[in-house]
Amino acid sequence: ADLAWWCSAQYASGSVEQLHCLDLAHSNATTASEEIESLQGRASKEDERAALDRVKRIDTARAILSDHILVDKVLEQNNSSDLVQKVYKSIIRKVQKVSAEKESYCPEHFVRELLIEGSLAAALASLDDCDGFTTVHFRSLAILVHDACKLLASRYTHIFVGRVARILARRWMINGDDASDSNVDYSSMKTTDLLANSDNSEKKLSD
């Protein structure tokens, strides 16, 4: 498992070869963890914990990379200009970096960050008169982000992109640019939680 993990670092970041190495590392780490667990008390608690932590670490890296490769596919499916592709790739890099810094990875957070970073990047590019980012580019970038979110929602059927987007929009309408989502744990949110959060924001707006 450690060798496969090391090999993954030798390939280009975000490559399919890197993902294959992480798949192998996860398989070997899971087997090793199960073998330690089967010893039934003959292995130390530290060894068991270390084995489980290794499985979790590899699985998190594998999930992030797999989703990163998935959202990269939208560039192949859409005929976008070089400028739009450049902005989109910068969004993906930022989202992947934020996701990797989290203790545990959840695809809902990936979608949420895609929407946030996508909106911010589009807004900043539109305000910059020097780069020639037009309304056509804005629409093209929005389609890329939308398609990326759709791909993630297709992979993880429990994700409801529209609800996450509405929550973010309503929070911004209430709090403006000072809105903070640091206290919202999307990894533990169920569908009912998302709906309740959305309803509460809607109630505040009506008040």
Protein backbone atom coordinates (compact mmCIF):
# COMPACT_ATOMS: atom_id res chain seq x y z
CA ALA A 1 0.00 0.00 0.00
CA ASP A 2 2.79 2.42 0.89
CA LEU A 3 4.64 1.59 -2.33
CA ALA A 4 1.52 2.20 -4.44
CA TRP A 5 0.97 5.47 -2.55
CA TRP A 6 4.54 6.53 -3.34
CA CYS A 7 4.11 5.53 -7.00
CA SER A 8 0.98 7.71 -7.25
CA ALA A 9 3.08 10.73 -6.31
CA GLN A 10 5.41 10.07 -9.24
CA TYR A 11 2.69 10.69 -11.81
CA ALA A 12 1.26 14.03 -12.88
CA SER A 13 -1.28 15.42 -10.42
CA GLY A 14 -4.82 14.66 -11.57
CA SER A 15 -3.80 11.91 -13.99
CA VAL A 16 -5.60 8.61 -14.54
CA GLU A 17 -2.33 6.78 -13.79
CA GLN A 18 -2.23 8.43 -10.39
CA LEU A 19 -5.78 7.25 -9.71
CA HIS A 20 -4.89 3.67 -10.69
CA CYS A 21 -2.04 3.70 -8.15
CA LEU A 22 -4.36 5.02 -5.44
CA ASP A 23 -6.91 2.31 -6.27
CA LEU A 24 -4.21 -0.30 -5.77
CA ALA A 25 -2.98 1.38 -2.59
CA HIS A 26 -6.53 1.45 -1.18
CA SER A 27 -7.08 -2.22 -2.00
CA ASN A 28 -3.82 -3.26 -0.31
CA ALA A 29 -4.39 -1.00 2.69
CA THR A 30 -7.90 -2.40 3.17
CA THR A 31 -6.56 -5.96 3.03
CA ALA A 32 -3.83 -5.14 5.55
CA SER A 33 -6.37 -3.50 7.89
CA GLU A 34 -8.63 -6.54 7.72
CA GLU A 35 -5.70 -8.85 8.47
CA ILE A 36 -4.76 -6.81 11.54
CA GLU A 37 -8.38 -6.82 12.69
CA SER A 38 -8.56 -10.61 12.27
CA LEU A 39 -5.75 -11.05 14.80
CA GLN A 40 -8.41 -10.44 17.50
CA GLY A 41 -6.46 -8.67 20.18
CA ARG A 42 -3.00 -9.90 19.23
CA ALA A 43 -2.34 -6.63 17.44
CA SER A 44 -1.92 -3.42 19.40
CA LYS A 45 -4.54 -0.68 19.34
CA GLU A 46 -1.97 1.62 17.81
CA ASP A 47 -1.44 -0.77 14.89
CA GLU A 48 -5.19 -1.06 14.32
CA ARG A 49 -5.64 2.70 14.45
CA ALA A 50 -2.70 3.29 12.10
CA ALA A 51 -4.08 0.79 9.60
CA LEU A 52 -7.53 2.37 9.66
CA ASP A 53 -6.08 5.88 9.35
CA ARG A 54 -4.07 4.77 6.32
CA VAL A 55 -7.18 3.36 4.63
CA LYS A 56 -9.06 6.59 5.35
CA ARG A 57 -6.23 8.80 4.08
CA ILE A 58 -5.86 6.86 0.82
CA ASP A 59 -9.62 6.64 0.29
CA THR A 60 -9.99 10.40 0.74
CA ALA A 61 -7.20 11.14 -1.75
CA ARG A 62 -8.68 8.64 -4.19
CA ALA A 63 -12.19 10.13 -3.95
CA ILE A 64 -10.94 13.69 -4.47
CA LEU A 65 -8.83 12.67 -7.47
CA SER A 66 -11.64 10.59 -8.98
CA ASP A 67 -14.08 13.51 -8.76
CA HIS A 68 -11.42 15.87 -10.09
CA ILE A 69 -10.95 13.67 -13.17
CA LEU A 70 -14.73 13.47 -13.55
CA VAL A 71 -15.28 17.23 -13.61
CA ASP A 72 -12.37 17.63 -16.02
CA LYS A 73 -14.39 15.62 -18.55
CA VAL A 74 -16.75 18.54 -19.13
CA LEU A 75 -13.95 20.26 -21.05
CA GLU A 76 -14.03 17.37 -23.53
CA GLN A 77 -17.81 17.58 -23.81
CA ASN A 78 -18.01 21.35 -24.36
CA ASN A 79 -16.42 23.46 -27.06
CA SER A 80 -15.19 26.33 -24.88
CA SER A 81 -12.70 29.07 -25.66
CA ASP A 82 -9.17 29.03 -24.25
CA LEU A 83 -10.07 31.87 -21.89
CA VAL A 84 -13.06 30.02 -20.43
CA GLN A 85 -11.06 26.81 -20.09
CA LYS A 86 -8.32 28.69 -18.27
CA VAL A 87 -10.80 30.16 -15.76
CA TYR A 88 -12.53 26.79 -15.31
CA LYS A 89 -9.25 24.98 -14.63
CA SER A 90 -8.34 27.59 -12.01
CA ILE A 91 -11.71 26.95 -10.33
CA ILE A 92 -11.10 23.19 -10.25
CA ARG A 93 -7.61 23.67 -8.75
CA LYS A 94 -8.99 25.86 -5.97
CA VAL A 95 -11.85 23.47 -5.23
CA GLN A 96 -9.53 20.49 -5.12
CA LYS A 97 -7.15 22.34 -2.78
CA VAL A 98 -9.98 23.27 -0.40
CA SER A 99 -11.32 19.70 -0.45
CA ALA A 100 -7.89 18.21 0.27
CA GLU A 101 -7.51 20.44 3.34
CA LYS A 102 -10.67 19.04 4.95
CA GLU A 103 -10.36 16.27 7.54
CA SER A 104 -12.92 14.19 5.68
CA TYR A 105 -14.04 14.50 2.08
CA CYS A 106 -17.67 14.74 1.06
CA PRO A 107 -18.93 15.28 -2.51
CA GLU A 108 -21.56 17.77 -1.28
CA HIS A 109 -18.75 20.05 -0.18
CA PHE A 110 -17.10 19.63 -3.59
CA VAL A 111 -20.33 20.74 -5.31
CA ARG A 112 -20.75 23.64 -2.89
CA GLU A 113 -17.20 24.87 -3.51
CA LEU A 114 -17.68 24.51 -7.27
CA LEU A 115 -20.69 26.80 -7.12
CA ILE A 116 -18.99 29.33 -4.85
CA GLU A 117 -15.67 29.45 -6.70
CA GLY A 118 -17.43 29.39 -10.07
CA SER A 119 -19.61 32.36 -9.15
CA LEU A 120 -16.64 34.29 -7.75
CA ALA A 121 -14.40 33.59 -10.75
CA ALA A 122 -17.13 34.58 -13.22
CA ALA A 123 -17.85 37.79 -11.34
CA LEU A 124 -14.18 38.81 -11.09
CA ALA A 125 -13.50 37.98 -14.74
CA SER A 126 -16.53 40.01 -15.83
CA LEU A 127 -15.31 43.04 -13.91
CA ASP A 128 -11.85 42.89 -15.48
CA ASP A 129 -11.93 44.94 -18.68
CA CYS A 130 -8.45 43.81 -19.69
CA ASP A 131 -9.06 40.09 -20.27
CA GLY A 132 -12.01 40.45 -22.65
CA PHE A 133 -14.34 38.21 -20.64
CA THR A 134 -17.69 38.80 -22.35
CA THR A 135 -21.25 37.72 -21.65
CA VAL A 136 -20.71 34.80 -24.03
CA HIS A 137 -17.73 33.68 -21.94
CA PHE A 138 -19.80 34.10 -18.78
CA ARG A 139 -22.50 31.82 -20.15
CA SER A 140 -19.96 29.26 -21.36
CA LEU A 141 -18.30 29.13 -17.93
CA ALA A 142 -21.69 28.78 -16.22
CA ILE A 143 -22.48 25.80 -18.48
CA LEU A 144 -19.17 24.13 -17.57
CA VAL A 145 -19.77 24.52 -13.83
CA HIS A 146 -23.38 23.38 -14.23
CA ASP A 147 -22.34 20.28 -16.19
CA ALA A 148 -19.64 19.47 -13.63
CA CYS A 149 -22.20 19.60 -10.82
CA LYS A 150 -24.55 17.41 -12.88
CA LEU A 151 -21.83 14.80 -13.31
CA LEU A 152 -21.21 14.71 -9.57
CA ALA A 153 -24.94 14.48 -8.87
CA SER A 154 -25.15 11.54 -11.30
CA ARG A 155 -22.33 9.76 -9.47
CA TYR A 156 -23.71 10.52 -5.99
CA THR A 157 -27.48 10.22 -6.22
CA HIS A 158 -28.01 11.76 -2.77
CA ILE A 159 -26.70 15.14 -3.98
CA PHE A 160 -29.32 17.75 -4.90
CA VAL A 161 -27.42 20.53 -6.65
CA GLY A 162 -30.45 22.81 -6.93
CA ARG A 163 -31.04 22.78 -3.20
CA VAL A 164 -27.40 23.52 -2.40
CA ALA A 165 -27.48 26.40 -4.91
CA ARG A 166 -30.68 27.82 -3.40
CA ILE A 167 -29.25 27.67 0.11
CA LEU A 168 -26.13 29.54 -1.02
CA ALA A 169 -28.18 32.12 -2.94
CA ARG A 170 -30.54 32.79 -0.04
CA ARG A 171 -27.68 33.05 2.43
CA TRP A 172 -26.00 35.60 0.16
CA MET A 173 -29.26 37.56 -0.20
CA ILE A 174 -29.57 37.72 3.60
CA ASN A 175 -25.94 38.28 4.58
CA GLY A 176 -24.37 39.67 1.41
CA ASP A 177 -20.63 39.27 0.91
CA ASP A 178 -20.17 38.78 4.66
CA ALA A 179 -21.97 35.42 4.48
CA SER A 180 -20.00 32.61 6.04
CA ASP A 181 -20.61 28.89 5.61
CA SER A 182 -17.94 27.83 8.07
CA ASN A 183 -20.58 26.67 10.53
CA VAL A 184 -22.45 24.55 7.97
CA ASP A 185 -21.32 20.93 7.82
CA TYR A 186 -22.49 19.66 4.43
CA SER A 187 -20.83 16.29 5.02
CA SER A 188 -23.34 15.42 7.74
CA MET A 189 -26.37 17.11 6.17
CA LYS A 190 -29.24 14.91 5.10
CA THR A 191 -31.87 15.90 2.56
CA THR A 192 -34.22 16.96 5.36
CA ASP A 193 -31.49 19.16 6.83
CA LEU A 194 -30.96 20.88 3.48
CA LEU A 195 -34.67 21.50 3.16
CA ALA A 196 -34.92 22.84 6.71
CA ASN A 197 -31.93 25.13 6.12
CA SER A 198 -33.52 26.37 2.92
CA ASP A 199 -36.90 26.94 4.59
CA ASN A 200 -35.28 28.91 7.44
CA SER A 201 -33.50 31.19 4.97
CA GLU A 202 -36.73 31.68 3.07
CA LYS A 203 -38.56 32.58 6.29
CA LYS A 204 -35.94 35.21 7.11
CA LEU A 205 -36.40 36.73 3.67
CA SER A 206 -40.17 36.95 4.10
CA ASP A 207 -39.74 38.56 7.54
